[in-house]
Amino acid sequence: MGARPWTATARGLVLAVRLTPKGGRDSIDGVDSLSDGRCVLKARVRAVPSEGEANAALVKMLAKALDIPARSVSVAGGATARVKRIVIEGDATALIARLEKLTAAR
């Protein structure tokens, strides 16, 4: 698979995520391509999409999966949309390695 849903930045990564709220479980479901060609990380959370609950659950789940503090993960775009832009602060090389490992198992 060539395309990846993340881009390294000076402060860490920017990650494109397609979130499914009320998904029955909290999980990262691999990498997918949208109909417009964008590459996204598929994720689902049990939380409902009201008052930011699903976004908060996504931030918490990503932080736990990447073994970083939740304060290092934030929703930078698409707060009310299904496709979100997530900013992850930290060592981009280490974060990419963890994401590669997470998505390779899917």
PDB file of N, CA and C in Angstrom:
ATOM      1  N   MET A   1       0.844  -1.178   0.000  1.00  0.00           N
ATOM      2  CA  MET A   1       0.000   0.000   0.000  1.00  0.00           C
ATOM      3  C   MET A   1       0.887   1.238   0.000  1.00  0.00           C
ATOM      4  N   GLY A   2       0.682   2.121  -0.962  1.00  0.00           N
ATOM      5  CA  GLY A   2       1.549   3.272  -1.089  1.00  0.00           C
ATOM      6  C   GLY A   2       1.128   4.462  -0.246  1.00  0.00           C
ATOM      7  N   ALA A   3      -0.114   4.887  -0.362  1.00  0.00           N
ATOM      8  CA  ALA A   3      -0.578   6.091   0.326  1.00  0.00           C
ATOM      9  C   ALA A   3      -0.753   5.839   1.814  1.00  0.00           C
ATOM     10  N   ARG A   4      -0.469   6.848   2.579  1.00  0.00           N
ATOM     11  CA  ARG A   4      -0.622   6.777   4.029  1.00  0.00           C
ATOM     12  C   ARG A   4      -1.454   7.973   4.487  1.00  0.00           C
ATOM     13  N   PRO A   5      -2.249   7.824   5.542  1.00  0.00           N
ATOM     14  CA  PRO A   5      -3.113   8.917   6.006  1.00  0.00           C
ATOM     15  C   PRO A   5      -2.413   9.923   6.918  1.00  0.00           C
ATOM     16  N   TRP A   6      -1.100   9.834   7.037  1.00  0.00           N
ATOM     17  CA  TRP A   6      -0.384  10.764   7.909  1.00  0.00           C
ATOM     18  C   TRP A   6       0.693  11.506   7.143  1.00  0.00           C
ATOM     19  N   THR A   7       1.008  12.688   7.665  1.00  0.00           N
ATOM     20  CA  THR A   7       2.057  13.536   7.110  1.00  0.00           C
ATOM     21  C   THR A   7       2.917  14.023   8.261  1.00  0.00           C
ATOM     22  N   ALA A   8       4.221  13.880   8.140  1.00  0.00           N
ATOM     23  CA  ALA A   8       5.133  14.357   9.171  1.00  0.00           C
ATOM     24  C   ALA A   8       5.202  15.880   9.118  1.00  0.00           C
ATOM     25  N   THR A   9       5.253  16.500  10.295  1.00  0.00           N
ATOM     26  CA  THR A   9       5.422  17.949  10.406  1.00  0.00           C
ATOM     27  C   THR A   9       6.590  18.219  11.346  1.00  0.00           C
ATOM     28  N   ALA A  10       6.929  19.478  11.516  1.00  0.00           N
ATOM     29  CA  ALA A  10       8.038  19.841  12.401  1.00  0.00           C
ATOM     30  C   ALA A  10       7.754  19.440  13.855  1.00  0.00           C
ATOM     31  N   ARG A  11       6.483  19.418  14.237  1.00  0.00           N
ATOM     32  CA  ARG A  11       6.132  19.127  15.638  1.00  0.00           C
ATOM     33  C   ARG A  11       5.565  17.732  15.852  1.00  0.00           C
ATOM     34  N   GLY A  12       5.415  16.947  14.781  1.00  0.00           N
ATOM     35  CA  GLY A  12       4.854  15.605  14.927  1.00  0.00           C
ATOM     36  C   GLY A  12       4.202  15.138  13.642  1.00  0.00           C
ATOM     37  N   LEU A  13       2.889  14.839  13.721  1.00  0.00           N
ATOM     38  CA  LEU A  13       2.157  14.324  12.570  1.00  0.00           C
ATOM     39  C   LEU A  13       0.811  15.008  12.422  1.00  0.00           C
ATOM     40  N   VAL A  14       0.322  15.024  11.187  1.00  0.00           N
ATOM     41  CA  VAL A  14      -1.067  15.342  10.909  1.00  0.00           C
ATOM     42  C   VAL A  14      -1.664  14.060  10.346  1.00  0.00           C
ATOM     43  N   LEU A  15      -2.787  13.640  10.915  1.00  0.00           N
ATOM     44  CA  LEU A  15      -3.396  12.358  10.582  1.00  0.00           C
ATOM     45  C   LEU A  15      -4.829  12.567  10.113  1.00  0.00           C
ATOM     46  N   ALA A  16      -5.188  11.965   8.983  1.00  0.00           N
ATOM     47  CA  ALA A  16      -6.568  12.012   8.500  1.00  0.00           C
ATOM     48  C   ALA A  16      -7.284  10.769   9.026  1.00  0.00           C
ATOM     49  N   VAL A  17      -8.411  10.980   9.710  1.00  0.00           N
ATOM     50  CA  VAL A  17      -9.149   9.882  10.329  1.00  0.00           C
ATOM     51  C   VAL A  17     -10.606   9.924   9.881  1.00  0.00           C
ATOM     52  N   ARG A  18     -11.132   8.758   9.512  1.00  0.00           N
ATOM     53  CA  ARG A  18     -12.567   8.628   9.254  1.00  0.00           C
ATOM     54  C   ARG A  18     -13.148   7.938  10.476  1.00  0.00           C
ATOM     55  N   LEU A  19     -13.927   8.699  11.253  1.00  0.00           N
ATOM     56  CA  LEU A  19     -14.440   8.202  12.532  1.00  0.00           C
ATOM     57  C   LEU A  19     -15.878   7.731  12.403  1.00  0.00           C
ATOM     58  N   THR A  20     -16.141   6.556  12.959  1.00  0.00           N
ATOM     59  CA  THR A  20     -17.501   6.037  13.055  1.00  0.00           C
ATOM     60  C   THR A  20     -17.905   6.055  14.520  1.00  0.00           C
ATOM     61  N   PRO A  21     -18.776   7.009  14.916  1.00  0.00           N
ATOM     62  CA  PRO A  21     -19.259   7.013  16.294  1.00  0.00           C
ATOM     63  C   PRO A  21     -20.315   5.918  16.482  1.00  0.00           C
ATOM     64  N   LYS A  22     -20.592   5.582  17.715  1.00  0.00           N
ATOM     65  CA  LYS A  22     -21.539   4.504  18.044  1.00  0.00           C
ATOM     66  C   LYS A  22     -21.176   3.231  17.288  1.00  0.00           C
ATOM     67  N   GLY A  23     -19.866   2.946  17.211  1.00  0.00           N
ATOM     68  CA  GLY A  23     -19.372   1.825  16.421  1.00  0.00           C
ATOM     69  C   GLY A  23     -19.362   0.493  17.138  1.00  0.00           C
ATOM     70  N   GLY A  24     -19.869   0.435  18.364  1.00  0.00           N
ATOM     71  CA  GLY A  24     -19.942  -0.827  19.088  1.00  0.00           C
ATOM     72  C   GLY A  24     -18.699  -1.160  19.890  1.00  0.00           C
ATOM     73  N   ARG A  25     -17.566  -0.602  19.501  1.00  0.00           N
ATOM     74  CA  ARG A  25     -16.308  -0.819  20.234  1.00  0.00           C
ATOM     75  C   ARG A  25     -15.346   0.300  19.865  1.00  0.00           C
ATOM     76  N   ASP A  26     -14.299   0.446  20.646  1.00  0.00           N
ATOM     77  CA  ASP A  26     -13.255   1.420  20.337  1.00  0.00           C
ATOM     78  C   ASP A  26     -12.135   0.667  19.628  1.00  0.00           C
ATOM     79  N   SER A  27     -11.883   1.009  18.360  1.00  0.00           N
ATOM     80  CA  SER A  27     -10.825   0.301  17.641  1.00  0.00           C
ATOM     81  C   SER A  27     -10.325   1.102  16.452  1.00  0.00           C
ATOM     82  N   ILE A  28      -9.108   0.775  16.052  1.00  0.00           N
ATOM     83  CA  ILE A  28      -8.522   1.296  14.822  1.00  0.00           C
ATOM     84  C   ILE A  28      -8.647   0.168  13.808  1.00  0.00           C
ATOM     85  N   ASP A  29      -9.312   0.469  12.694  1.00  0.00           N
ATOM     86  CA  ASP A  29      -9.668  -0.573  11.734  1.00  0.00           C
ATOM     87  C   ASP A  29      -8.835  -0.550  10.454  1.00  0.00           C
ATOM     88  N   GLY A  30      -7.661   0.045  10.500  1.00  0.00           N
ATOM     89  CA  GLY A  30      -6.781   0.029   9.339  1.00  0.00           C
ATOM     90  C   GLY A  30      -6.848   1.291   8.504  1.00  0.00           C
ATOM     91  N   VAL A  31      -6.316   1.202   7.293  1.00  0.00           N
ATOM     92  CA  VAL A  31      -6.229   2.342   6.382  1.00  0.00           C
ATOM     93  C   VAL A  31      -7.178   2.086   5.216  1.00  0.00           C
ATOM     94  N   ASP A  32      -7.838   3.150   4.754  1.00  0.00           N
ATOM     95  CA  ASP A  32      -8.788   3.030   3.654  1.00  0.00           C
ATOM     96  C   ASP A  32      -8.650   4.242   2.736  1.00  0.00           C
ATOM     97  N   SER A  33      -9.167   4.117   1.524  1.00  0.00           N
ATOM     98  CA  SER A  33      -9.207   5.244   0.594  1.00  0.00           C
ATOM     99  C   SER A  33     -10.649   5.690   0.427  1.00  0.00           C
ATOM    100  N   LEU A  34     -10.869   6.997   0.479  1.00  0.00           N
ATOM    101  CA  LEU A  34     -12.197   7.549   0.258  1.00  0.00           C
ATOM    102  C   LEU A  34     -12.477   7.628  -1.235  1.00  0.00           C
ATOM    103  N   SER A  35     -13.727   7.894  -1.586  1.00  0.00           N
ATOM    104  CA  SER A  35     -14.103   7.966  -3.004  1.00  0.00           C
ATOM    105  C   SER A  35     -13.372   9.088  -3.741  1.00  0.00           C
ATOM    106  N   ASP A  36     -12.948  10.131  -2.999  1.00  0.00           N
ATOM    107  CA  ASP A  36     -12.220  11.232  -3.640  1.00  0.00           C
ATOM    108  C   ASP A  36     -10.710  10.978  -3.705  1.00  0.00           C
ATOM    109  N   GLY A  37     -10.282   9.789  -3.280  1.00  0.00           N
ATOM    110  CA  GLY A  37      -8.883   9.422  -3.373  1.00  0.00           C
ATOM    111  C   GLY A  37      -8.062   9.679  -2.123  1.00  0.00           C
ATOM    112  N   ARG A  38      -8.632  10.419  -1.146  1.00  0.00           N
ATOM    113  CA  ARG A  38      -7.885  10.669   0.091  1.00  0.00           C
ATOM    114  C   ARG A  38      -7.713   9.380   0.888  1.00  0.00           C
ATOM    115  N   CYS A  39      -6.587   9.258   1.516  1.00  0.00           N
ATOM    116  CA  CYS A  39      -6.271   8.108   2.352  1.00  0.00           C
ATOM    117  C   CYS A  39      -6.575   8.468   3.804  1.00  0.00           C
ATOM    118  N   VAL A  40      -7.273   7.579   4.522  1.00  0.00           N
ATOM    119  CA  VAL A  40      -7.648   7.857   5.905  1.00  0.00           C
ATOM    120  C   VAL A  40      -7.386   6.646   6.787  1.00  0.00           C
ATOM    121  N   LEU A  41      -7.223   6.916   8.071  1.00  0.00           N
ATOM    122  CA  LEU A  41      -7.175   5.868   9.076  1.00  0.00           C
ATOM    123  C   LEU A  41      -8.610   5.644   9.529  1.00  0.00           C
ATOM    124  N   LYS A  42      -9.094   4.413   9.448  1.00  0.00           N
ATOM    125  CA  LYS A  42     -10.459   4.119   9.886  1.00  0.00           C
ATOM    126  C   LYS A  42     -10.447   3.840  11.377  1.00  0.00           C
ATOM    127  N   ALA A  43     -11.360   4.506  12.086  1.00  0.00           N
ATOM    128  CA  ALA A  43     -11.474   4.300  13.522  1.00  0.00           C
ATOM    129  C   ALA A  43     -12.937   4.289  13.913  1.00  0.00           C
ATOM    130  N   ARG A  44     -13.230   3.578  14.986  1.00  0.00           N
ATOM    131  CA  ARG A  44     -14.596   3.576  15.520  1.00  0.00           C
ATOM    132  C   ARG A  44     -14.525   3.712  17.036  1.00  0.00           C
ATOM    133  N   VAL A  45     -15.539   4.365  17.578  1.00  0.00           N
ATOM    134  CA  VAL A  45     -15.641   4.522  19.031  1.00  0.00           C
ATOM    135  C   VAL A  45     -17.072   4.209  19.457  1.00  0.00           C
ATOM    136  N   ARG A  46     -17.223   3.820  20.715  1.00  0.00           N
ATOM    137  CA  ARG A  46     -18.559   3.539  21.256  1.00  0.00           C
ATOM    138  C   ARG A  46     -19.334   4.819  21.535  1.00  0.00           C
ATOM    139  N   ALA A  47     -18.620   5.905  21.763  1.00  0.00           N
ATOM    140  CA  ALA A  47     -19.245   7.178  22.163  1.00  0.00           C
ATOM    141  C   ALA A  47     -20.175   7.720  21.078  1.00  0.00           C
ATOM    142  N   VAL A  48     -21.162   8.506  21.527  1.00  0.00           N
ATOM    143  CA  VAL A  48     -22.097   9.143  20.597  1.00  0.00           C
ATOM    144  C   VAL A  48     -21.507  10.458  20.089  1.00  0.00           C
ATOM    145  N   PRO A  49     -21.937  10.900  18.904  1.00  0.00           N
ATOM    146  CA  PRO A  49     -21.373  12.127  18.328  1.00  0.00           C
ATOM    147  C   PRO A  49     -22.056  13.393  18.821  1.00  0.00           C
ATOM    148  N   SER A  50     -22.205  13.531  20.135  1.00  0.00           N
ATOM    149  CA  SER A  50     -22.812  14.762  20.644  1.00  0.00           C
ATOM    150  C   SER A  50     -21.900  15.376  21.697  1.00  0.00           C
ATOM    151  N   GLU A  51     -21.855  16.695  21.685  1.00  0.00           N
ATOM    152  CA  GLU A  51     -21.057  17.462  22.653  1.00  0.00           C
ATOM    153  C   GLU A  51     -19.592  17.029  22.684  1.00  0.00           C
ATOM    154  N   GLY A  52     -19.077  16.604  21.544  1.00  0.00           N
ATOM    155  CA  GLY A  52     -17.660  16.257  21.454  1.00  0.00           C
ATOM    156  C   GLY A  52     -17.267  14.931  22.074  1.00  0.00           C
ATOM    157  N   GLU A  53     -18.243  14.114  22.464  1.00  0.00           N
ATOM    158  CA  GLU A  53     -17.922  12.849  23.133  1.00  0.00           C
ATOM    159  C   GLU A  53     -17.138  11.901  22.223  1.00  0.00           C
ATOM    160  N   ALA A  54     -17.557  11.786  20.957  1.00  0.00           N
ATOM    161  CA  ALA A  54     -16.857  10.883  20.041  1.00  0.00           C
ATOM    162  C   ALA A  54     -15.434  11.382  19.768  1.00  0.00           C
ATOM    163  N   ASN A  55     -15.273  12.704  19.616  1.00  0.00           N
ATOM    164  CA  ASN A  55     -13.933  13.266  19.400  1.00  0.00           C
ATOM    165  C   ASN A  55     -13.036  12.999  20.601  1.00  0.00           C
ATOM    166  N   ALA A  56     -13.571  13.181  21.800  1.00  0.00           N
ATOM    167  CA  ALA A  56     -12.788  12.939  23.015  1.00  0.00           C
ATOM    168  C   ALA A  56     -12.387  11.468  23.105  1.00  0.00           C
ATOM    169  N   ALA A  57     -13.306  10.577  22.742  1.00  0.00           N
ATOM    170  CA  ALA A  57     -13.002   9.148  22.771  1.00  0.00           C
ATOM    171  C   ALA A  57     -11.929   8.804  21.741  1.00  0.00           C
ATOM    172  N   LEU A  58     -11.993   9.452  20.567  1.00  0.00           N
ATOM    173  CA  LEU A  58     -10.982   9.232  19.525  1.00  0.00           C
ATOM    174  C   LEU A  58      -9.607   9.678  20.006  1.00  0.00           C
ATOM    175  N   VAL A  59      -9.533  10.862  20.591  1.00  0.00           N
ATOM    176  CA  VAL A  59      -8.262  11.390  21.106  1.00  0.00           C
ATOM    177  C   VAL A  59      -7.678  10.437  22.145  1.00  0.00           C
ATOM    178  N   LYS A  60      -8.512   9.984  23.069  1.00  0.00           N
ATOM    179  CA  LYS A  60      -8.068   9.078  24.131  1.00  0.00           C
ATOM    180  C   LYS A  60      -7.575   7.747  23.544  1.00  0.00           C
ATOM    181  N   MET A  61      -8.327   7.214  22.570  1.00  0.00           N
ATOM    182  CA  MET A  61      -7.959   5.937  21.962  1.00  0.00           C
ATOM    183  C   MET A  61      -6.641   6.047  21.189  1.00  0.00           C
ATOM    184  N   LEU A  62      -6.475   7.121  20.403  1.00  0.00           N
ATOM    185  CA  LEU A  62      -5.235   7.302  19.654  1.00  0.00           C
ATOM    186  C   LEU A  62      -4.042   7.470  20.596  1.00  0.00           C
ATOM    187  N   ALA A  63      -4.225   8.246  21.658  1.00  0.00           N
ATOM    188  CA  ALA A  63      -3.139   8.453  22.616  1.00  0.00           C
ATOM    189  C   ALA A  63      -2.719   7.125  23.249  1.00  0.00           C
ATOM    190  N   LYS A  64      -3.699   6.321  23.627  1.00  0.00           N
ATOM    191  CA  LYS A  64      -3.390   5.023  24.235  1.00  0.00           C
ATOM    192  C   LYS A  64      -2.697   4.106  23.234  1.00  0.00           C
ATOM    193  N   ALA A  65      -3.204   4.057  21.998  1.00  0.00           N
ATOM    194  CA  ALA A  65      -2.626   3.184  20.977  1.00  0.00           C
ATOM    195  C   ALA A  65      -1.192   3.583  20.634  1.00  0.00           C
ATOM    196  N   LEU A  66      -0.910   4.892  20.671  1.00  0.00           N
ATOM    197  CA  LEU A  66       0.429   5.389  20.332  1.00  0.00           C
ATOM    198  C   LEU A  66       1.325   5.526  21.558  1.00  0.00           C
ATOM    199  N   ASP A  67       0.770   5.234  22.736  1.00  0.00           N
ATOM    200  CA  ASP A  67       1.517   5.298  23.995  1.00  0.00           C
ATOM    201  C   ASP A  67       2.092   6.699  24.238  1.00  0.00           C
ATOM    202  N   ILE A  68       1.210   7.703  24.083  1.00  0.00           N
ATOM    203  CA  ILE A  68       1.584   9.093  24.331  1.00  0.00           C
ATOM    204  C   ILE A  68       0.499   9.739  25.192  1.00  0.00           C
ATOM    205  N   PRO A  69       0.791  10.878  25.823  1.00  0.00           N
ATOM    206  CA  PRO A  69      -0.238  11.550  26.625  1.00  0.00           C
ATOM    207  C   PRO A  69      -1.369  12.086  25.740  1.00  0.00           C
ATOM    208  N   ALA A  70      -2.590  12.059  26.240  1.00  0.00           N
ATOM    209  CA  ALA A  70      -3.744  12.550  25.479  1.00  0.00           C
ATOM    210  C   ALA A  70      -3.586  14.023  25.111  1.00  0.00           C
ATOM    211  N   ARG A  71      -2.850  14.778  25.912  1.00  0.00           N
ATOM    212  CA  ARG A  71      -2.666  16.205  25.605  1.00  0.00           C
ATOM    213  C   ARG A  71      -1.852  16.429  24.329  1.00  0.00           C
ATOM    214  N   SER A  72      -1.177  15.377  23.848  1.00  0.00           N
ATOM    215  CA  SER A  72      -0.388  15.475  22.610  1.00  0.00           C
ATOM    216  C   SER A  72      -1.230  15.253  21.363  1.00  0.00           C
ATOM    217  N   VAL A  73      -2.511  14.903  21.540  1.00  0.00           N
ATOM    218  CA  VAL A  73      -3.399  14.605  20.421  1.00  0.00           C
ATOM    219  C   VAL A  73      -4.546  15.613  20.423  1.00  0.00           C
ATOM    220  N   SER A  74      -4.824  16.224  19.271  1.00  0.00           N
ATOM    221  CA  SER A  74      -5.938  17.172  19.205  1.00  0.00           C
ATOM    222  C   SER A  74      -6.624  17.118  17.850  1.00  0.00           C
ATOM    223  N   VAL A  75      -7.916  17.458  17.854  1.00  0.00           N
ATOM    224  CA  VAL A  75      -8.695  17.523  16.615  1.00  0.00           C
ATOM    225  C   VAL A  75      -8.495  18.922  16.042  1.00  0.00           C
ATOM    226  N   ALA A  76      -7.826  19.002  14.890  1.00  0.00           N
ATOM    227  CA  ALA A  76      -7.499  20.299  14.288  1.00  0.00           C
ATOM    228  C   ALA A  76      -8.481  20.697  13.194  1.00  0.00           C
ATOM    229  N   GLY A  77      -9.260  19.748  12.714  1.00  0.00           N
ATOM    230  CA  GLY A  77     -10.225  20.061  11.667  1.00  0.00           C
ATOM    231  C   GLY A  77     -11.265  18.976  11.552  1.00  0.00           C
ATOM    232  N   GLY A  78     -12.474  19.364  11.159  1.00  0.00           N
ATOM    233  CA  GLY A  78     -13.540  18.395  10.976  1.00  0.00           C
ATOM    234  C   GLY A  78     -14.179  17.927  12.255  1.00  0.00           C
ATOM    235  N   ALA A  79     -14.231  18.791  13.258  1.00  0.00           N
ATOM    236  CA  ALA A  79     -14.774  18.399  14.566  1.00  0.00           C
ATOM    237  C   ALA A  79     -16.187  17.827  14.466  1.00  0.00           C
ATOM    238  N   THR A  80     -16.989  18.336  13.536  1.00  0.00           N
ATOM    239  CA  THR A  80     -18.357  17.825  13.398  1.00  0.00           C
ATOM    240  C   THR A  80     -18.526  16.949  12.162  1.00  0.00           C
ATOM    241  N   ALA A  81     -17.445  16.696  11.442  1.00  0.00           N
ATOM    242  CA  ALA A  81     -17.504  15.867  10.240  1.00  0.00           C
ATOM    243  C   ALA A  81     -17.021  14.454  10.551  1.00  0.00           C
ATOM    244  N   ARG A  82     -17.320  13.537   9.659  1.00  0.00           N
ATOM    245  CA  ARG A  82     -16.865  12.162   9.852  1.00  0.00           C
ATOM    246  C   ARG A  82     -15.362  12.043   9.594  1.00  0.00           C
ATOM    247  N   VAL A  83     -14.838  12.809   8.614  1.00  0.00           N
ATOM    248  CA  VAL A  83     -13.401  12.799   8.334  1.00  0.00           C
ATOM    249  C   VAL A  83     -12.759  13.965   9.081  1.00  0.00           C
ATOM    250  N   LYS A  84     -11.782  13.652   9.913  1.00  0.00           N
ATOM    251  CA  LYS A  84     -11.165  14.639  10.802  1.00  0.00           C
ATOM    252  C   LYS A  84      -9.678  14.755  10.527  1.00  0.00           C
ATOM    253  N   ARG A  85      -9.139  15.928  10.854  1.00  0.00           N
ATOM    254  CA  ARG A  85      -7.692  16.148  10.787  1.00  0.00           C
ATOM    255  C   ARG A  85      -7.191  16.195  12.224  1.00  0.00           C
ATOM    256  N   ILE A  86      -6.339  15.255  12.560  1.00  0.00           N
ATOM    257  CA  ILE A  86      -5.819  15.118  13.916  1.00  0.00           C
ATOM    258  C   ILE A  86      -4.352  15.540  13.926  1.00  0.00           C
ATOM    259  N   VAL A  87      -3.987  16.373  14.887  1.00  0.00           N
ATOM    260  CA  VAL A  87      -2.589  16.764  15.061  1.00  0.00           C
ATOM    261  C   VAL A  87      -2.038  15.978  16.248  1.00  0.00           C
ATOM    262  N   ILE A  88      -0.901  15.319  16.028  1.00  0.00           N
ATOM    263  CA  ILE A  88      -0.253  14.533  17.076  1.00  0.00           C
ATOM    264  C   ILE A  88       1.140  15.102  17.269  1.00  0.00           C
ATOM    265  N   GLU A  89       1.407  15.605  18.467  1.00  0.00           N
ATOM    266  CA  GLU A  89       2.718  16.175  18.755  1.00  0.00           C
ATOM    267  C   GLU A  89       3.656  15.102  19.286  1.00  0.00           C
ATOM    268  N   GLY A  90       4.903  15.157  18.827  1.00  0.00           N
ATOM    269  CA  GLY A  90       5.898  14.200  19.290  1.00  0.00           C
ATOM    270  C   GLY A  90       6.901  13.915  18.189  1.00  0.00           C
ATOM    271  N   ASP A  91       7.688  12.872  18.387  1.00  0.00           N
ATOM    272  CA  ASP A  91       8.710  12.465  17.430  1.00  0.00           C
ATOM    273  C   ASP A  91       8.030  11.781  16.245  1.00  0.00           C
ATOM    274  N   ALA A  92       8.042  12.450  15.094  1.00  0.00           N
ATOM    275  CA  ALA A  92       7.326  11.951  13.920  1.00  0.00           C
ATOM    276  C   ALA A  92       7.790  10.553  13.520  1.00  0.00           C
ATOM    277  N   THR A  93       9.074  10.294  13.563  1.00  0.00           N
ATOM    278  CA  THR A  93       9.598   8.987  13.163  1.00  0.00           C
ATOM    279  C   THR A  93       9.043   7.880  14.051  1.00  0.00           C
ATOM    280  N   ALA A  94       9.038   8.102  15.355  1.00  0.00           N
ATOM    281  CA  ALA A  94       8.519   7.101  16.289  1.00  0.00           C
ATOM    282  C   ALA A  94       7.007   6.928  16.132  1.00  0.00           C
ATOM    283  N   LEU A  95       6.303   8.038  15.938  1.00  0.00           N
ATOM    284  CA  LEU A  95       4.849   7.964  15.762  1.00  0.00           C
ATOM    285  C   LEU A  95       4.482   7.201  14.489  1.00  0.00           C
ATOM    286  N   ILE A  96       5.207   7.469  13.405  1.00  0.00           N
ATOM    287  CA  ILE A  96       4.949   6.761  12.142  1.00  0.00           C
ATOM    288  C   ILE A  96       5.205   5.269  12.319  1.00  0.00           C
ATOM    289  N   ALA A  97       6.279   4.921  13.016  1.00  0.00           N
ATOM    290  CA  ALA A  97       6.585   3.507  13.245  1.00  0.00           C
ATOM    291  C   ALA A  97       5.450   2.827  14.005  1.00  0.00           C
ATOM    292  N   ARG A  98       4.901   3.505  15.013  1.00  0.00           N
ATOM    293  CA  ARG A  98       3.790   2.922  15.781  1.00  0.00           C
ATOM    294  C   ARG A  98       2.538   2.790  14.920  1.00  0.00           C
ATOM    295  N   LEU A  99       2.258   3.812  14.103  1.00  0.00           N
ATOM    296  CA  LEU A  99       1.086   3.746  13.225  1.00  0.00           C
ATOM    297  C   LEU A  99       1.237   2.637  12.186  1.00  0.00           C
ATOM    298  N   GLU A 100       2.448   2.499  11.636  1.00  0.00           N
ATOM    299  CA  GLU A 100       2.700   1.416  10.665  1.00  0.00           C
ATOM    300  C   GLU A 100       2.421   0.061  11.308  1.00  0.00           C
ATOM    301  N   LYS A 101       2.872  -0.102  12.543  1.00  0.00           N
ATOM    302  CA  LYS A 101       2.671  -1.370  13.254  1.00  0.00           C
ATOM    303  C   LYS A 101       1.183  -1.597  13.519  1.00  0.00           C
ATOM    304  N   LEU A 102       0.467  -0.547  13.936  1.00  0.00           N
ATOM    305  CA  LEU A 102      -0.969  -0.663  14.211  1.00  0.00           C
ATOM    306  C   LEU A 102      -1.763  -1.037  12.965  1.00  0.00           C
ATOM    307  N   THR A 103      -1.413  -0.425  11.845  1.00  0.00           N
ATOM    308  CA  THR A 103      -2.189  -0.642  10.627  1.00  0.00           C
ATOM    309  C   THR A 103      -1.750  -1.883   9.866  1.00  0.00           C
ATOM    310  N   ALA A 104      -0.539  -2.372  10.104  1.00  0.00           N
ATOM    311  CA  ALA A 104      -0.059  -3.573   9.413  1.00  0.00           C
ATOM    312  C   ALA A 104      -0.819  -4.807   9.882  1.00  0.00           C
ATOM    313  N   ALA A 105      -1.274  -4.778  11.121  1.00  0.00           N
ATOM    314  CA  ALA A 105      -1.985  -5.936  11.695  1.00  0.00           C
ATOM    315  C   ALA A 105      -3.410  -6.029  11.177  1.00  0.00           C
ATOM    316  N   ARG A 106      -3.868  -5.025  10.435  1.00  0.00           N
ATOM    317  CA  ARG A 106      -5.274  -4.996   9.977  1.00  0.00           C
ATOM    318  C   ARG A 106      -5.388  -5.516   8.568  1.00  0.00           C
TER     319      ARG A 106
END
